[in-house]
Amino acid sequence: MLLRTLTYSLPCLLLTACADAPDKYRDTHHLELPPVLPIEHTNPQPAVAADDLKPKSALADLMAFTDEGGKPVLTLKTRPDRAWEMVATALKISNIEVLDKSQEDQRFQVRYDPDTSGKDVGLLRALLNNDYDEAEYTIKLKEERRGLTVNVSLTKPQDLEFGEDGSAELIRLLHKAINEKIINRPPDKKADE
């Protein structure tokens, strides 16, 4: 019987002893706070940069364009099917006649006159501004490490009657159409920004 009494009374005594804890364990305002260290900025920066407030397109980093020495290079940093659609849309927006296209070969064949840049111009303006001959060009998307490079070349260079090769002008026109109409950047912005 004594064992039974001890078995039941000992836990009750322990619970009663623990219940009578002093106030310093119940209230945390008596605890010591960690020290406050001063924060020193060696290079202070503004909280918000001026460019952070401008809305940025999700497509802004899809294109790289360099125009050095007369042979511009347009690189689309995306999947081949998406790059194909971007070039097809740029050709349509620019009113360039597509003669043939093959998505399997990543190739477009177009008729283009760099003097008109895909726009309908009057007869007088077409006669006065005629540095290039209208010709057929082949646009080929070539997959490289940095993305898909857009290459433009004359389809039949021997058929060029007068003027120069306008393939550089066609690349510049495609860049402008993709940059302004598809990516929706303002015209004064550069592609590398």
Protein backbone atom coordinates (compact mmCIF):
# COMPACT_ATOMS: atom_id res chain seq x y z
CA MET A 1 0.00 0.00 0.00
CA LEU A 2 2.84 2.34 0.76
CA LEU A 3 4.23 1.73 -2.67
CA ARG A 4 0.93 2.59 -4.29
CA THR A 5 0.65 5.81 -2.29
CA LEU A 6 4.18 6.83 -3.29
CA THR A 7 3.50 6.00 -6.93
CA TYR A 8 0.52 8.35 -7.03
CA SER A 9 1.68 11.04 -4.67
CA LEU A 10 5.22 11.57 -6.01
CA PRO A 11 4.10 12.75 -9.50
CA CYS A 12 1.51 15.00 -7.90
CA LEU A 13 4.19 16.58 -5.71
CA LEU A 14 6.45 17.13 -8.70
CA LEU A 15 3.68 18.80 -10.70
CA THR A 16 2.81 21.04 -7.79
CA ALA A 17 6.47 22.03 -7.36
CA CYS A 18 6.86 22.88 -11.03
CA ALA A 19 3.64 24.87 -11.12
CA ASP A 20 4.97 27.32 -8.55
CA ALA A 21 7.67 28.81 -10.81
CA PRO A 22 8.86 32.35 -10.11
CA ASP A 23 7.73 35.21 -12.37
CA LYS A 24 11.17 35.66 -13.94
CA TYR A 25 10.63 32.44 -15.94
CA ARG A 26 7.16 33.37 -17.09
CA ASP A 27 7.84 36.93 -18.24
CA THR A 28 10.50 37.41 -20.95
CA HIS A 29 11.02 41.17 -20.50
CA HIS A 30 13.64 40.37 -17.85
CA LEU A 31 15.79 38.50 -20.36
CA GLU A 32 18.92 40.13 -21.75
CA LEU A 33 18.67 41.49 -25.34
CA PRO A 34 21.46 40.99 -27.89
CA PRO A 35 23.64 44.02 -28.53
CA VAL A 36 22.69 46.41 -31.36
CA LEU A 37 25.57 46.71 -33.81
CA PRO A 38 25.91 49.71 -36.13
CA ILE A 39 25.66 48.87 -39.87
CA GLU A 40 28.32 50.53 -41.93
CA HIS A 41 27.92 50.74 -45.72
CA THR A 42 31.20 51.25 -47.50
CA ASN A 43 29.43 51.68 -50.87
CA PRO A 44 26.03 53.25 -50.29
CA GLN A 45 23.57 52.46 -53.06
CA PRO A 46 20.18 53.95 -53.80
CA ALA A 47 17.27 51.81 -52.72
CA VAL A 48 15.70 51.86 -56.21
CA ALA A 49 17.63 52.42 -59.43
CA ALA A 50 16.10 54.61 -62.13
CA ASP A 51 15.87 51.64 -64.54
CA ASP A 52 13.99 49.54 -61.97
CA LEU A 53 10.94 51.77 -62.25
CA LYS A 54 10.61 51.30 -66.02
CA PRO A 55 8.60 48.27 -67.14
CA LYS A 56 10.80 45.66 -68.75
CA SER A 57 9.71 43.23 -71.39
CA ALA A 58 10.10 39.54 -70.67
CA LEU A 59 11.56 39.25 -74.17
CA ALA A 60 14.25 41.91 -73.68
CA ASP A 61 17.16 39.46 -73.48
CA LEU A 62 16.13 37.36 -76.47
CA MET A 63 18.19 39.24 -79.02
CA ALA A 64 21.76 40.44 -79.56
CA PHE A 65 22.67 42.76 -82.43
CA THR A 66 26.06 44.07 -83.51
CA ASP A 67 26.62 46.29 -86.52
CA GLU A 68 30.34 46.64 -86.94
CA GLY A 69 32.16 47.08 -90.21
CA GLY A 70 29.15 46.83 -92.52
CA LYS A 71 28.16 43.21 -91.84
CA PRO A 72 25.59 43.23 -89.02
CA VAL A 73 25.05 40.12 -86.90
CA LEU A 74 21.62 39.33 -85.46
CA THR A 75 21.42 36.56 -82.85
CA LEU A 76 18.15 35.33 -81.36
CA LYS A 77 18.69 33.73 -77.96
CA THR A 78 15.74 31.39 -77.89
CA ARG A 79 14.48 28.03 -79.09
CA PRO A 80 14.58 27.34 -82.85
CA ASP A 81 10.78 27.26 -83.22
CA ARG A 82 10.40 30.54 -81.37
CA ALA A 83 13.17 32.20 -83.42
CA TRP A 84 11.45 30.96 -86.59
CA GLU A 85 8.19 32.61 -85.50
CA MET A 86 9.97 35.86 -84.62
CA VAL A 87 11.59 36.10 -88.08
CA ALA A 88 8.34 35.11 -89.83
CA THR A 89 6.43 37.77 -87.89
CA ALA A 90 9.11 40.40 -88.61
CA LEU A 91 8.89 39.63 -92.34
CA LYS A 92 5.11 39.93 -92.25
CA ILE A 93 5.20 43.20 -90.30
CA SER A 94 7.77 44.64 -92.71
CA ASN A 95 5.68 43.70 -95.78
CA ILE A 96 8.45 41.60 -97.29
CA GLU A 97 7.28 39.08 -99.86
CA VAL A 98 8.10 35.52 -98.78
CA LEU A 99 8.63 33.33 -101.86
CA ASP A 100 9.43 30.06 -100.09
CA LYS A 101 10.02 28.87 -96.55
CA SER A 102 11.07 25.64 -94.88
CA GLN A 103 10.97 25.33 -91.13
CA GLU A 104 12.84 22.02 -91.27
CA ASP A 105 15.79 23.74 -93.00
CA GLN A 106 15.26 26.97 -90.99
CA ARG A 107 15.21 28.91 -94.27
CA PHE A 108 13.17 31.72 -95.82
CA GLN A 109 13.44 32.87 -99.42
CA VAL A 110 12.21 36.44 -99.88
CA ARG A 111 12.04 39.18 -102.50
CA TYR A 112 13.41 42.41 -101.07
CA ASP A 113 14.39 45.88 -102.28
CA PRO A 114 16.52 47.70 -99.67
CA ASP A 115 15.56 51.06 -101.16
CA THR A 116 11.94 50.65 -100.12
CA SER A 117 12.61 48.66 -96.90
CA GLY A 118 9.44 46.68 -97.44
CA LYS A 119 7.24 49.78 -97.78
CA ASP A 120 5.22 50.84 -100.81
CA VAL A 121 6.70 54.08 -102.11
CA GLY A 122 5.69 56.28 -104.98
CA LEU A 123 7.14 56.01 -108.48
CA LEU A 124 9.12 59.26 -108.25
CA ARG A 125 10.71 58.31 -104.94
CA ALA A 126 11.53 54.82 -106.27
CA LEU A 127 13.31 56.35 -109.30
CA LEU A 128 15.31 58.90 -107.27
CA ASN A 129 16.31 56.54 -104.48
CA ASN A 130 17.52 53.45 -106.30
CA ASP A 131 20.88 52.34 -104.88
CA TYR A 132 19.93 48.68 -104.71
CA ASP A 133 18.24 46.32 -107.12
CA GLU A 134 15.27 44.25 -106.00
CA ALA A 135 16.55 40.70 -105.59
CA GLU A 136 15.84 37.37 -103.96
CA TYR A 137 17.50 36.78 -100.60
CA THR A 138 17.81 33.65 -98.49
CA ILE A 139 17.42 34.05 -94.74
CA LYS A 140 18.87 31.10 -92.85
CA LEU A 141 18.76 30.51 -89.10
CA LYS A 142 21.96 28.85 -87.93
CA GLU A 143 22.14 27.32 -84.46
CA GLU A 144 25.24 28.33 -82.52
CA ARG A 145 26.36 28.28 -78.91
CA ARG A 146 25.02 31.80 -78.16
CA GLY A 147 21.69 31.24 -79.92
CA LEU A 148 20.37 31.24 -83.48
CA THR A 149 22.23 33.54 -85.85
CA VAL A 150 20.21 35.08 -88.68
CA ASN A 151 22.22 34.89 -91.92
CA VAL A 152 21.09 36.67 -95.09
CA SER A 153 22.60 36.16 -98.52
CA LEU A 154 21.67 36.74 -102.14
CA THR A 155 19.96 33.70 -103.61
CA LYS A 156 21.33 34.31 -107.12
CA PRO A 157 24.22 36.83 -106.98
CA GLN A 158 24.82 36.52 -110.73
CA ASP A 159 21.30 37.89 -111.46
CA LEU A 160 22.01 41.21 -109.70
CA GLU A 161 21.70 43.81 -112.48
CA PHE A 162 23.01 46.88 -110.66
CA GLY A 163 23.63 48.17 -107.17
CA GLU A 164 25.02 46.41 -104.18
CA ASP A 165 24.14 43.38 -102.10
CA GLY A 166 21.37 44.47 -99.71
CA SER A 167 21.66 41.58 -97.25
CA ALA A 168 23.05 43.87 -94.51
CA GLU A 169 20.05 46.18 -94.95
CA LEU A 170 17.68 43.22 -94.63
CA ILE A 171 19.31 42.13 -91.35
CA ARG A 172 19.01 45.70 -90.04
CA LEU A 173 15.35 45.78 -91.04
CA LEU A 174 14.66 42.44 -89.32
CA HIS A 175 16.42 43.68 -86.19
CA LYS A 176 14.38 46.88 -86.17
CA ALA A 177 11.08 45.01 -86.67
CA ILE A 178 11.83 42.43 -83.96
CA ASN A 179 13.15 45.07 -81.56
CA GLU A 180 10.33 47.58 -81.93
CA LYS A 181 7.30 45.50 -82.90
CA ILE A 182 7.83 42.10 -81.26
CA ILE A 183 9.91 42.91 -78.17
CA ASN A 184 8.17 46.33 -77.94
CA ARG A 185 11.16 48.46 -77.05
CA PRO A 186 11.12 52.17 -77.81
CA PRO A 187 12.94 53.04 -81.06
CA ASP A 188 15.65 55.07 -79.30
CA LYS A 189 16.75 52.11 -77.12
CA LYS A 190 19.66 50.00 -78.29
CA ALA A 191 19.42 46.23 -78.49
CA ASP A 192 22.40 45.58 -76.22
CA GLU A 193 20.92 47.44 -73.22
